[in-house]
C-alpha atoms as a PDB file:
ATOM      1  CA  MET A   1      -4.807 -13.341  12.856  1.00  0.00           C
ATOM      2  CA  SER A   2      -1.403 -14.123  11.375  1.00  0.00           C
ATOM      3  CA  ARG A   3       1.550 -12.122  12.622  1.00  0.00           C
ATOM      4  CA  GLY A   4       2.504 -10.907   9.279  1.00  0.00           C
ATOM      5  CA  TYR A   5       5.932 -11.083   7.661  1.00  0.00           C
ATOM      6  CA  PRO A   6       8.638  -9.703  10.075  1.00  0.00           C
ATOM      7  CA  VAL A   7      10.527  -6.808   8.213  1.00  0.00           C
ATOM      8  CA  GLU A   8      12.868  -4.723  10.417  1.00  0.00           C
ATOM      9  CA  ASP A   9      10.642  -4.453  13.699  1.00  0.00           C
ATOM     10  CA  PHE A  10       7.409  -4.393  11.747  1.00  0.00           C
ATOM     11  CA  TYR A  11       5.065  -6.977  10.672  1.00  0.00           C
ATOM     12  CA  VAL A  12       4.085  -6.429   7.010  1.00  0.00           C
ATOM     13  CA  TYR A  13       0.844  -7.893   5.336  1.00  0.00           C
ATOM     14  CA  GLY A  14       0.982  -7.580   1.601  1.00  0.00           C
ATOM     15  CA  TRP A  15      -1.797  -8.318  -0.961  1.00  0.00           C
ATOM     16  CA  SER A  16      -0.986  -6.592  -4.267  1.00  0.00           C
ATOM     17  CA  THR A  17      -1.354  -7.389  -8.001  1.00  0.00           C
ATOM     18  CA  SER A  18      -1.367  -4.438 -10.483  1.00  0.00           C
ATOM     19  CA  GLY A  19      -4.718  -3.456 -11.731  1.00  0.00           C
ATOM     20  CA  TYR A  20      -6.564  -6.033  -9.501  1.00  0.00           C
ATOM     21  CA  GLU A  21      -6.289  -5.076  -5.978  1.00  0.00           C
ATOM     22  CA  THR A  22      -3.846  -3.502  -3.525  1.00  0.00           C
ATOM     23  CA  ALA A  23      -3.815  -3.409   0.237  1.00  0.00           C
ATOM     24  CA  ILE A  24      -0.803  -3.524   2.475  1.00  0.00           C
ATOM     25  CA  GLY A  25      -0.868  -3.758   6.268  1.00  0.00           C
ATOM     26  CA  VAL A  26       1.906  -2.750   8.593  1.00  0.00           C
ATOM     27  CA  ARG A  27       1.809  -3.700  12.340  1.00  0.00           C
ATOM     28  CA  LYS A  28       4.297  -2.350  15.020  1.00  0.00           C
ATOM     29  CA  HIS A  29       3.345  -2.790  18.673  1.00  0.00           C
ATOM     30  CA  ARG A  30      -0.347  -1.988  19.091  1.00  0.00           C
ATOM     31  CA  MET A  31      -0.639   0.055  16.110  1.00  0.00           C
ATOM     32  CA  PHE A  32      -1.977  -1.526  12.896  1.00  0.00           C
ATOM     33  CA  PHE A  33      -1.810   0.741   9.576  1.00  0.00           C
ATOM     34  CA  MET A  34      -3.158  -0.089   6.237  1.00  0.00           C
ATOM     35  CA  PHE A  35      -2.242   1.451   2.964  1.00  0.00           C
ATOM     36  CA  ASP A  36      -4.890   1.416   0.151  1.00  0.00           C
ATOM     37  CA  VAL A  37      -8.092  -0.720   0.466  1.00  0.00           C
ATOM     38  CA  GLY A  38      -8.397  -2.402  -2.980  1.00  0.00           C
ATOM     39  CA  ILE A  39      -9.317  -5.614  -0.967  1.00  0.00           C
ATOM     40  CA  ALA A  40     -10.164  -6.311   2.516  1.00  0.00           C
ATOM     41  CA  PRO A  41      -8.463  -9.520   3.653  1.00  0.00           C
ATOM     42  CA  VAL A  42      -9.170 -11.138   7.018  1.00  0.00           C
ATOM     43  CA  TRP A  43      -6.085  -9.264   8.620  1.00  0.00           C
ATOM     44  CA  SER A  44      -7.277  -5.834   7.295  1.00  0.00           C
ATOM     45  CA  VAL A  45     -10.132  -5.875   9.985  1.00  0.00           C
ATOM     46  CA  ASN A  46      -7.628  -4.815  12.632  1.00  0.00           C
ATOM     47  CA  ALA A  47      -6.379  -1.746  10.683  1.00  0.00           C
ATOM     48  CA  GLU A  48      -7.473   1.250  12.544  1.00  0.00           C
ATOM     49  CA  HIS A  49      -5.873   3.840  10.091  1.00  0.00           C
ATOM     50  CA  VAL A  50      -6.218   3.601   6.371  1.00  0.00           C
ATOM     51  CA  PHE A  51      -4.081   5.782   4.142  1.00  0.00           C
ATOM     52  CA  ILE A  52      -5.476   5.973   0.481  1.00  0.00           C
ATOM     53  CA  SER A  53      -3.112   7.000  -2.389  1.00  0.00           C
ATOM     54  CA  HIS A  54      -5.711   7.643  -5.111  1.00  0.00           C
ATOM     55  CA  GLY A  55      -9.167   6.735  -6.507  1.00  0.00           C
ATOM     56  CA  HIS A  56      -8.424   3.809  -8.726  1.00  0.00           C
ATOM     57  CA  ILE A  57     -10.825   1.001  -8.044  1.00  0.00           C
ATOM     58  CA  ASP A  58      -7.835  -1.531  -7.299  1.00  0.00           C
ATOM     59  CA  HIS A  59      -6.853   0.772  -4.595  1.00  0.00           C
ATOM     60  CA  ILE A  60     -10.030   1.968  -3.032  1.00  0.00           C
ATOM     61  CA  GLY A  61     -12.785  -0.375  -4.089  1.00  0.00           C
ATOM     62  CA  ALA A  62     -13.109  -2.316  -0.884  1.00  0.00           C
ATOM     63  CA  ILE A  63     -13.431   0.593   1.398  1.00  0.00           C
ATOM     64  CA  CYS A  64     -17.090  -0.002   2.362  1.00  0.00           C
ATOM     65  CA  GLN A  65     -16.453  -3.724   2.853  1.00  0.00           C
ATOM     66  CA  HIS A  66     -13.688  -2.838   5.306  1.00  0.00           C
ATOM     67  CA  MET A  67     -16.184  -0.516   7.170  1.00  0.00           C
ATOM     68  CA  ARG A  68     -18.624  -3.393   7.264  1.00  0.00           C
ATOM     69  CA  LYS A  69     -16.107  -5.934   8.443  1.00  0.00           C
ATOM     70  CA  ARG A  70     -14.944  -3.912  11.400  1.00  0.00           C
ATOM     71  CA  GLU A  71     -18.555  -3.205  12.402  1.00  0.00           C
ATOM     72  CA  LEU A  72     -19.333  -6.959  12.417  1.00  0.00           C
ATOM     73  CA  HIS A  73     -16.227  -7.646  14.674  1.00  0.00           C
ATOM     74  CA  ARG A  74     -17.617  -4.775  16.930  1.00  0.00           C
ATOM     75  CA  LEU A  75     -14.631  -2.633  16.373  1.00  0.00           C
ATOM     76  CA  PRO A  76     -15.017   1.082  16.263  1.00  0.00           C
ATOM     77  CA  PRO A  77     -14.783   2.781  12.845  1.00  0.00           C
ATOM     78  CA  ALA A  78     -11.560   3.077  11.176  1.00  0.00           C
ATOM     79  CA  VAL A  79     -10.166   6.405  10.140  1.00  0.00           C
ATOM     80  CA  TYR A  80      -9.479   7.003   6.346  1.00  0.00           C
ATOM     81  CA  TYR A  81      -7.008   9.416   4.952  1.00  0.00           C
ATOM     82  CA  LEU A  82      -7.480  10.463   1.260  1.00  0.00           C
ATOM     83  CA  LEU A  83      -7.511  13.327  -1.223  1.00  0.00           C
ATOM     84  CA  PRO A  84     -10.200  15.927  -0.725  1.00  0.00           C
ATOM     85  CA  GLN A  85     -12.009  15.360  -4.074  1.00  0.00           C
ATOM     86  CA  LEU A  86     -12.282  11.546  -3.037  1.00  0.00           C
ATOM     87  CA  VAL A  87     -14.367  12.401   0.164  1.00  0.00           C
ATOM     88  CA  GLU A  88     -17.887  12.973  -1.500  1.00  0.00           C
ATOM     89  CA  PRO A  89     -17.533  10.025  -4.065  1.00  0.00           C
ATOM     90  CA  VAL A  90     -16.881   7.769  -0.902  1.00  0.00           C
ATOM     91  CA  ARG A  91     -19.676   9.185   0.951  1.00  0.00           C
ATOM     92  CA  ALA A  92     -21.949   8.462  -1.979  1.00  0.00           C
ATOM     93  CA  LEU A  93     -20.541   4.857  -2.290  1.00  0.00           C
ATOM     94  CA  CYS A  94     -21.363   4.336   1.169  1.00  0.00           C
ATOM     95  CA  ARG A  95     -24.971   5.491   0.692  1.00  0.00           C
ATOM     96  CA  ALA A  96     -25.291   3.217  -2.128  1.00  0.00           C
ATOM     97  CA  PHE A  97     -23.972   0.262  -0.197  1.00  0.00           C
ATOM     98  CA  GLY A  98     -26.534   1.014   2.526  1.00  0.00           C
ATOM     99  CA  GLN A  99     -29.327   1.017  -0.079  1.00  0.00           C
ATOM    100  CA  LEU A 100     -27.978  -2.280  -1.566  1.00  0.00           C
ATOM    101  CA  GLN A 101     -27.897  -3.855   2.002  1.00  0.00           C
ATOM    102  CA  GLY A 102     -31.375  -2.790   2.442  1.00  0.00           C
ATOM    103  CA  GLU A 103     -30.889  -1.404   6.122  1.00  0.00           C
ATOM    104  CA  GLU A 104     -29.017   1.464   7.608  1.00  0.00           C
ATOM    105  CA  LEU A 105     -25.571   0.493   8.818  1.00  0.00           C
ATOM    106  CA  ASP A 106     -23.875   2.505  11.280  1.00  0.00           C
ATOM    107  CA  SER A 107     -20.386   1.945   9.739  1.00  0.00           C
ATOM    108  CA  LEU A 108     -21.687   3.570   6.475  1.00  0.00           C
ATOM    109  CA  LEU A 109     -23.638   6.337   7.718  1.00  0.00           C
ATOM    110  CA  ASN A 110     -20.914   8.438   9.055  1.00  0.00           C
ATOM    111  CA  PRO A 111     -17.551   7.363   7.827  1.00  0.00           C
ATOM    112  CA  ARG A 112     -14.537   8.860   9.424  1.00  0.00           C
ATOM    113  CA  LEU A 113     -12.670  10.455   6.421  1.00  0.00           C
ATOM    114  CA  VAL A 114      -9.865  12.761   6.899  1.00  0.00           C
ATOM    115  CA  GLU A 115      -8.801  15.220   4.032  1.00  0.00           C
ATOM    116  CA  MET A 116      -5.002  15.467   3.274  1.00  0.00           C
ATOM    117  CA  LEU A 117      -3.195  17.021   0.529  1.00  0.00           C
ATOM    118  CA  PRO A 118       0.527  16.871  -0.101  1.00  0.00           C
ATOM    119  CA  GLY A 119       2.505  18.885   2.419  1.00  0.00           C
ATOM    120  CA  SER A 120      -0.210  18.338   5.204  1.00  0.00           C
ATOM    121  CA  THR A 121       0.431  16.848   8.494  1.00  0.00           C
ATOM    122  CA  VAL A 122      -1.954  14.994  10.946  1.00  0.00           C
ATOM    123  CA  GLU A 123      -1.398  13.950  14.305  1.00  0.00           C
ATOM    124  CA  ILE A 124      -2.595  10.456  14.886  1.00  0.00           C
ATOM    125  CA  ASN A 125      -1.795  10.106  18.434  1.00  0.00           C
ATOM    126  CA  ARG A 126       0.778  11.337  20.921  1.00  0.00           C
ATOM    127  CA  MET A 127       3.447   9.137  19.304  1.00  0.00           C
ATOM    128  CA  TRP A 128       2.523   8.705  15.654  1.00  0.00           C
ATOM    129  CA  SER A 129       2.009  11.425  12.901  1.00  0.00           C
ATOM    130  CA  VAL A 130       1.574  11.413   9.047  1.00  0.00           C
ATOM    131  CA  GLU A 131       2.585  13.537   6.444  1.00  0.00           C
ATOM    132  CA  CYS A 132       1.697  13.073   2.630  1.00  0.00           C
ATOM    133  CA  PHE A 133       3.630  13.852  -0.549  1.00  0.00           C
ATOM    134  CA  PRO A 134       2.753  14.215  -4.174  1.00  0.00           C
ATOM    135  CA  THR A 135       3.292  11.001  -6.347  1.00  0.00           C
ATOM    136  CA  ASP A 136       3.560  10.716 -10.249  1.00  0.00           C
ATOM    137  CA  HIS A 137       0.726   8.684 -11.599  1.00  0.00           C
ATOM    138  CA  VAL A 138      -1.892   9.223 -14.223  1.00  0.00           C
ATOM    139  CA  VAL A 139      -4.353  10.838 -11.762  1.00  0.00           C
ATOM    140  CA  GLN A 140      -3.826  12.829  -8.799  1.00  0.00           C
ATOM    141  CA  SER A 141      -2.164  10.739  -6.206  1.00  0.00           C
ATOM    142  CA  GLN A 142      -0.126  10.850  -3.001  1.00  0.00           C
ATOM    143  CA  GLY A 143       1.978   8.768  -0.564  1.00  0.00           C
ATOM    144  CA  TYR A 144       2.387   8.931   2.963  1.00  0.00           C
ATOM    145  CA  ILE A 145       5.217   8.942   5.482  1.00  0.00           C
ATOM    146  CA  LEU A 146       4.623   7.827   9.281  1.00  0.00           C
ATOM    147  CA  PHE A 147       6.665   9.437  11.793  1.00  0.00           C
ATOM    148  CA  ARG A 148       7.026   8.027  15.363  1.00  0.00           C
ATOM    149  CA  LYS A 149       8.128  10.340  18.231  1.00  0.00           C
ATOM    150  CA  ASN A 150      10.405   9.293  21.108  1.00  0.00           C
ATOM    151  CA  TYR A 151       8.469  10.019  24.029  1.00  0.00           C
ATOM    152  CA  GLN A 152      11.539  11.011  25.975  1.00  0.00           C
ATOM    153  CA  THR A 153      13.436  13.193  23.472  1.00  0.00           C
ATOM    154  CA  GLY A 154      10.476  14.395  21.382  1.00  0.00           C
ATOM    155  CA  VAL A 155      12.571  13.533  18.248  1.00  0.00           C
ATOM    156  CA  ARG A 156      10.349  12.380  15.293  1.00  0.00           C
ATOM    157  CA  THR A 157      11.824   9.426  13.106  1.00  0.00           C
ATOM    158  CA  PRO A 158      10.507   8.694   9.654  1.00  0.00           C
ATOM    159  CA  GLU A 159       9.256   4.999   9.992  1.00  0.00           C
ATOM    160  CA  ILE A 160       7.127   3.976   7.164  1.00  0.00           C
ATOM    161  CA  ALA A 161       6.735   5.445   3.686  1.00  0.00           C
ATOM    162  CA  TYR A 162       4.173   4.317   1.134  1.00  0.00           C
ATOM    163  CA  THR A 163       4.054   5.494  -2.295  1.00  0.00           C
ATOM    164  CA  GLY A 164       1.120   3.677  -4.025  1.00  0.00           C
ATOM    165  CA  ASP A 165       1.232   3.924  -7.901  1.00  0.00           C
ATOM    166  CA  THR A 166       3.995   6.143  -9.232  1.00  0.00           C
ATOM    167  CA  ARG A 167       6.632   6.848 -11.740  1.00  0.00           C
ATOM    168  CA  PHE A 168      10.153   6.517 -10.427  1.00  0.00           C
ATOM    169  CA  THR A 169      10.736  10.377 -10.561  1.00  0.00           C
ATOM    170  CA  ILE A 170       9.571  10.624  -6.765  1.00  0.00           C
ATOM    171  CA  PHE A 171      12.851   9.081  -5.910  1.00  0.00           C
ATOM    172  CA  THR A 172      15.281  10.890  -8.477  1.00  0.00           C
ATOM    173  CA  GLU A 173      13.561  14.175  -7.500  1.00  0.00           C
ATOM    174  CA  PRO A 174      12.619  13.397  -3.933  1.00  0.00           C
ATOM    175  CA  ALA A 175       8.856  14.069  -3.421  1.00  0.00           C
ATOM    176  CA  HIS A 176       9.731  14.342   0.465  1.00  0.00           C
ATOM    177  CA  ARG A 177      12.822  15.104   2.303  1.00  0.00           C
ATOM    178  CA  ASP A 178      12.513  11.861   4.378  1.00  0.00           C
ATOM    179  CA  ILE A 179      11.336   9.394   1.658  1.00  0.00           C
ATOM    180  CA  LEU A 180      14.652   7.881   1.280  1.00  0.00           C
ATOM    181  CA  ARG A 181      15.424   7.923   4.906  1.00  0.00           C
ATOM    182  CA  VAL A 182      12.682   5.733   6.319  1.00  0.00           C
ATOM    183  CA  ARG A 183      13.023   2.387   8.060  1.00  0.00           C
ATOM    184  CA  LEU A 184      10.530   0.781   5.864  1.00  0.00           C
ATOM    185  CA  LEU A 185       9.646   2.025   2.230  1.00  0.00           C
ATOM    186  CA  ILE A 186       6.802   0.373   0.454  1.00  0.00           C
ATOM    187  CA  SER A 187       6.690   1.076  -3.275  1.00  0.00           C
ATOM    188  CA  GLU A 188       5.558  -0.342  -6.545  1.00  0.00           C
ATOM    189  CA  ALA A 189       7.697  -2.252  -9.277  1.00  0.00           C
ATOM    190  CA  THR A 190       5.010  -3.030 -11.833  1.00  0.00           C
ATOM    191  CA  TYR A 191       7.217  -4.075 -14.676  1.00  0.00           C
ATOM    192  CA  LEU A 192      10.075  -6.419 -14.696  1.00  0.00           C
ATOM    193  CA  ASP A 193      11.128  -6.610 -18.238  1.00  0.00           C
ATOM    194  CA  ASP A 194      13.862  -4.224 -19.805  1.00  0.00           C
ATOM    195  CA  SER A 195      12.005  -3.852 -23.263  1.00  0.00           C
ATOM    196  CA  VAL A 196      11.493  -0.421 -24.801  1.00  0.00           C
ATOM    197  CA  ARG A 197       7.710  -1.381 -25.065  1.00  0.00           C
ATOM    198  CA  ILE A 198       7.551  -1.978 -21.329  1.00  0.00           C
ATOM    199  CA  LYS A 199       9.369   1.367 -20.476  1.00  0.00           C
ATOM    200  CA  LYS A 200       7.041   3.201 -22.556  1.00  0.00           C
ATOM    201  CA  ASN A 201       4.043   1.413 -20.832  1.00  0.00           C
ATOM    202  CA  ALA A 202       5.728   2.507 -17.456  1.00  0.00           C
ATOM    203  CA  GLU A 203       5.861   6.189 -18.516  1.00  0.00           C
ATOM    204  CA  LYS A 204       2.400   5.959 -20.225  1.00  0.00           C
ATOM    205  CA  TYR A 205       0.399   4.489 -17.217  1.00  0.00           C
ATOM    206  CA  GLY A 206       2.401   6.111 -14.291  1.00  0.00           C
ATOM    207  CA  HIS A 207       4.466   3.209 -13.167  1.00  0.00           C
ATOM    208  CA  SER A 208       7.969   1.928 -12.197  1.00  0.00           C
ATOM    209  CA  CYS A 209      10.247  -0.671 -13.433  1.00  0.00           C
ATOM    210  CA  ILE A 210      12.671  -2.863 -11.460  1.00  0.00           C
ATOM    211  CA  ARG A 211      15.461  -1.512 -13.685  1.00  0.00           C
ATOM    212  CA  GLU A 212      15.073   2.012 -12.496  1.00  0.00           C
ATOM    213  CA  TYR A 213      15.748   0.573  -8.909  1.00  0.00           C
ATOM    214  CA  ALA A 214      18.941  -1.154 -10.048  1.00  0.00           C
ATOM    215  CA  ASP A 215      20.145   1.685 -11.984  1.00  0.00           C
ATOM    216  CA  ASN A 216      19.558   3.992  -9.034  1.00  0.00           C
ATOM    217  CA  ALA A 217      20.545   1.652  -5.946  1.00  0.00           C
ATOM    218  CA  SER A 218      22.667   4.243  -4.344  1.00  0.00           C
ATOM    219  CA  LEU A 219      19.489   6.280  -3.660  1.00  0.00           C
ATOM    220  CA  PHE A 220      18.402   3.711  -1.174  1.00  0.00           C
ATOM    221  CA  GLU A 221      21.349   3.442   0.915  1.00  0.00           C
ATOM    222  CA  GLU A 222      19.742   4.985   3.902  1.00  0.00           C
ATOM    223  CA  VAL A 223      16.526   3.028   3.567  1.00  0.00           C
ATOM    224  CA  GLY A 224      15.953   0.202   6.185  1.00  0.00           C
ATOM    225  CA  ALA A 225      14.044  -2.125   4.022  1.00  0.00           C
ATOM    226  CA  LEU A 226      12.418  -1.854   0.713  1.00  0.00           C
ATOM    227  CA  PHE A 227       9.032  -3.683   0.424  1.00  0.00           C
ATOM    228  CA  LEU A 228       8.203  -4.023  -3.336  1.00  0.00           C
ATOM    229  CA  ILE A 229       4.484  -4.379  -4.400  1.00  0.00           C
ATOM    230  CA  HIS A 230       2.125  -3.999  -7.443  1.00  0.00           C
ATOM    231  CA  PHE A 231       3.821  -6.558  -9.774  1.00  0.00           C
ATOM    232  CA  SER A 232       2.072  -7.015 -13.127  1.00  0.00           C
ATOM    233  CA  ASN A 233      -0.377 -10.055 -13.332  1.00  0.00           C
ATOM    234  CA  ARG A 234       1.821 -11.433 -16.152  1.00  0.00           C
ATOM    235  CA  TYR A 235       4.557 -12.493 -13.813  1.00  0.00           C
ATOM    236  CA  PRO A 236       4.299 -15.696 -11.807  1.00  0.00           C
ATOM    237  CA  VAL A 237       6.218 -15.995  -8.477  1.00  0.00           C
ATOM    238  CA  TRP A 238       9.188 -17.595  -9.722  1.00  0.00           C
ATOM    239  CA  VAL A 239       9.674 -14.970 -12.482  1.00  0.00           C
ATOM    240  CA  ILE A 240       9.177 -12.170 -10.003  1.00  0.00           C
ATOM    241  CA  LYS A 241      11.904 -13.634  -7.579  1.00  0.00           C
ATOM    242  CA  GLY A 242      14.347 -14.244 -10.514  1.00  0.00           C
ATOM    243  CA  ARG A 243      14.108 -11.061 -12.095  1.00  0.00           C
ATOM    244  CA  VAL A 244      13.911  -8.781  -8.965  1.00  0.00           C
ATOM    245  CA  TYR A 245      16.971 -10.468  -7.203  1.00  0.00           C
ATOM    246  CA  GLY A 246      18.724 -11.052 -10.553  1.00  0.00           C
ATOM    247  CA  CYS A 247      18.481  -7.447 -11.515  1.00  0.00           C
ATOM    248  CA  LEU A 248      19.170  -5.568  -8.100  1.00  0.00           C
ATOM    249  CA  PRO A 249      22.771  -5.230  -6.919  1.00  0.00           C
ATOM    250  CA  SER A 250      23.573  -7.182  -3.823  1.00  0.00           C
ATOM    251  CA  GLU A 251      23.769  -4.175  -1.488  1.00  0.00           C
ATOM    252  CA  LEU A 252      20.152  -3.181  -2.409  1.00  0.00           C
ATOM    253  CA  GLY A 253      18.807  -6.718  -2.963  1.00  0.00           C
ATOM    254  CA  ARG A 254      19.683  -7.816   0.604  1.00  0.00           C
ATOM    255  CA  LYS A 255      17.169  -5.269   1.904  1.00  0.00           C
ATOM    256  CA  VAL A 256      14.333  -5.988  -0.560  1.00  0.00           C
ATOM    257  CA  TYR A 257      11.245  -7.929   0.117  1.00  0.00           C
ATOM    258  CA  CYS A 258       8.529  -8.881  -2.467  1.00  0.00           C
ATOM    259  CA  SER A 259       4.679  -8.889  -1.842  1.00  0.00           C
ATOM    260  CA  LEU A 260       3.789 -12.203  -3.287  1.00  0.00           C
ATOM    261  CA  THR A 261       0.744 -13.441  -1.172  1.00  0.00           C
ATOM    262  CA  ALA A 262      -1.768 -12.395  -3.775  1.00  0.00           C
ATOM    263  CA  LYS A 263       0.238 -14.351  -6.347  1.00  0.00           C
ATOM    264  CA  LYS A 264       0.604 -17.485  -4.192  1.00  0.00           C
ATOM    265  CA  ALA A 265      -3.001 -17.402  -3.453  1.00  0.00           C
ATOM    266  CA  THR A 266      -4.015 -17.337  -7.138  1.00  0.00           C
ATOM    267  CA  ARG A 267      -1.727 -20.351  -7.699  1.00  0.00           C
ATOM    268  CA  LEU A 268      -3.191 -22.326  -5.112  1.00  0.00           C
ATOM    269  CA  GLU A 269      -6.674 -21.521  -6.053  1.00  0.00           C
ATOM    270  CA  HIS A 270      -6.103 -22.967  -9.548  1.00  0.00           C
ATOM    271  CA  SER A 271      -3.910 -26.040  -8.395  1.00  0.00           C
ATOM    272  CA  THR A 272      -6.748 -28.122  -6.938  1.00  0.00           C
ATOM    273  CA  LEU A 273      -8.123 -30.648  -9.090  1.00  0.00           C
ATOM    274  CA  PRO A 274     -12.144 -30.631  -9.261  1.00  0.00           C
ATOM    275  CA  LEU A 275     -14.004 -33.115  -7.242  1.00  0.00           C
ATOM    276  CA  PRO A 276     -15.168 -36.167  -8.864  1.00  0.00           C
ATOM    277  CA  LEU A 277     -18.803 -36.206  -9.663  1.00  0.00           C
ATOM    278  CA  SER A 278     -20.839 -38.578  -7.453  1.00  0.00           C
END
């Protein structure tokens, strides 16, 4: 498995295109977390804890595939954290995939699903815990903040926050007291244009614009690093880089990273000439 992209003292694995699929991995020491599972890349097999923001297909559609891949690698079942109303549909999906497979798969028979609602806290192990907070999308959705406890002092530090799909309001009216104090903030920036139409689309469909980050850069002063995801498929890699870093003030831009792996993979897929016919 690749080491991921170094950000702060994390290794981040990004695969995200708006409407298509999103799965973000974060590794620190021996812990591997994943946020959303709209696709299950090779690296995702190592994710033991998966935090699902909402039920849209591009964020949850590969959950059964992820379960099966871990089983094929003889790994124990992962734990999936999600909204209560998603639990039974996921169980039904597991049953359907078992029928399609034509055999009973252990990974699908008893999935490890943990219900979470905004405001709830779950202890992952002695060092890590997770809290969730409401986000502002077109369906009920939530983000997650992972805390790491100093074993000697007992002090919890907000390490990672993930927003999933959301309007920018969760930052101007903070959805969680620590969302703007984390060492790694993973958030969306679907739209990179300044037009009135794009702004209306962002509001209508529950997404954020890069201009909102630029206009509110001071909000992120205490954030260690900002990993932007979920860019619209209309933007190629060079446009994303130009508009993100061209729009943001330098004090914010220097701590911003863009999830471009999915974009680059698409470009490579279509860059190979067809083999000559024999």
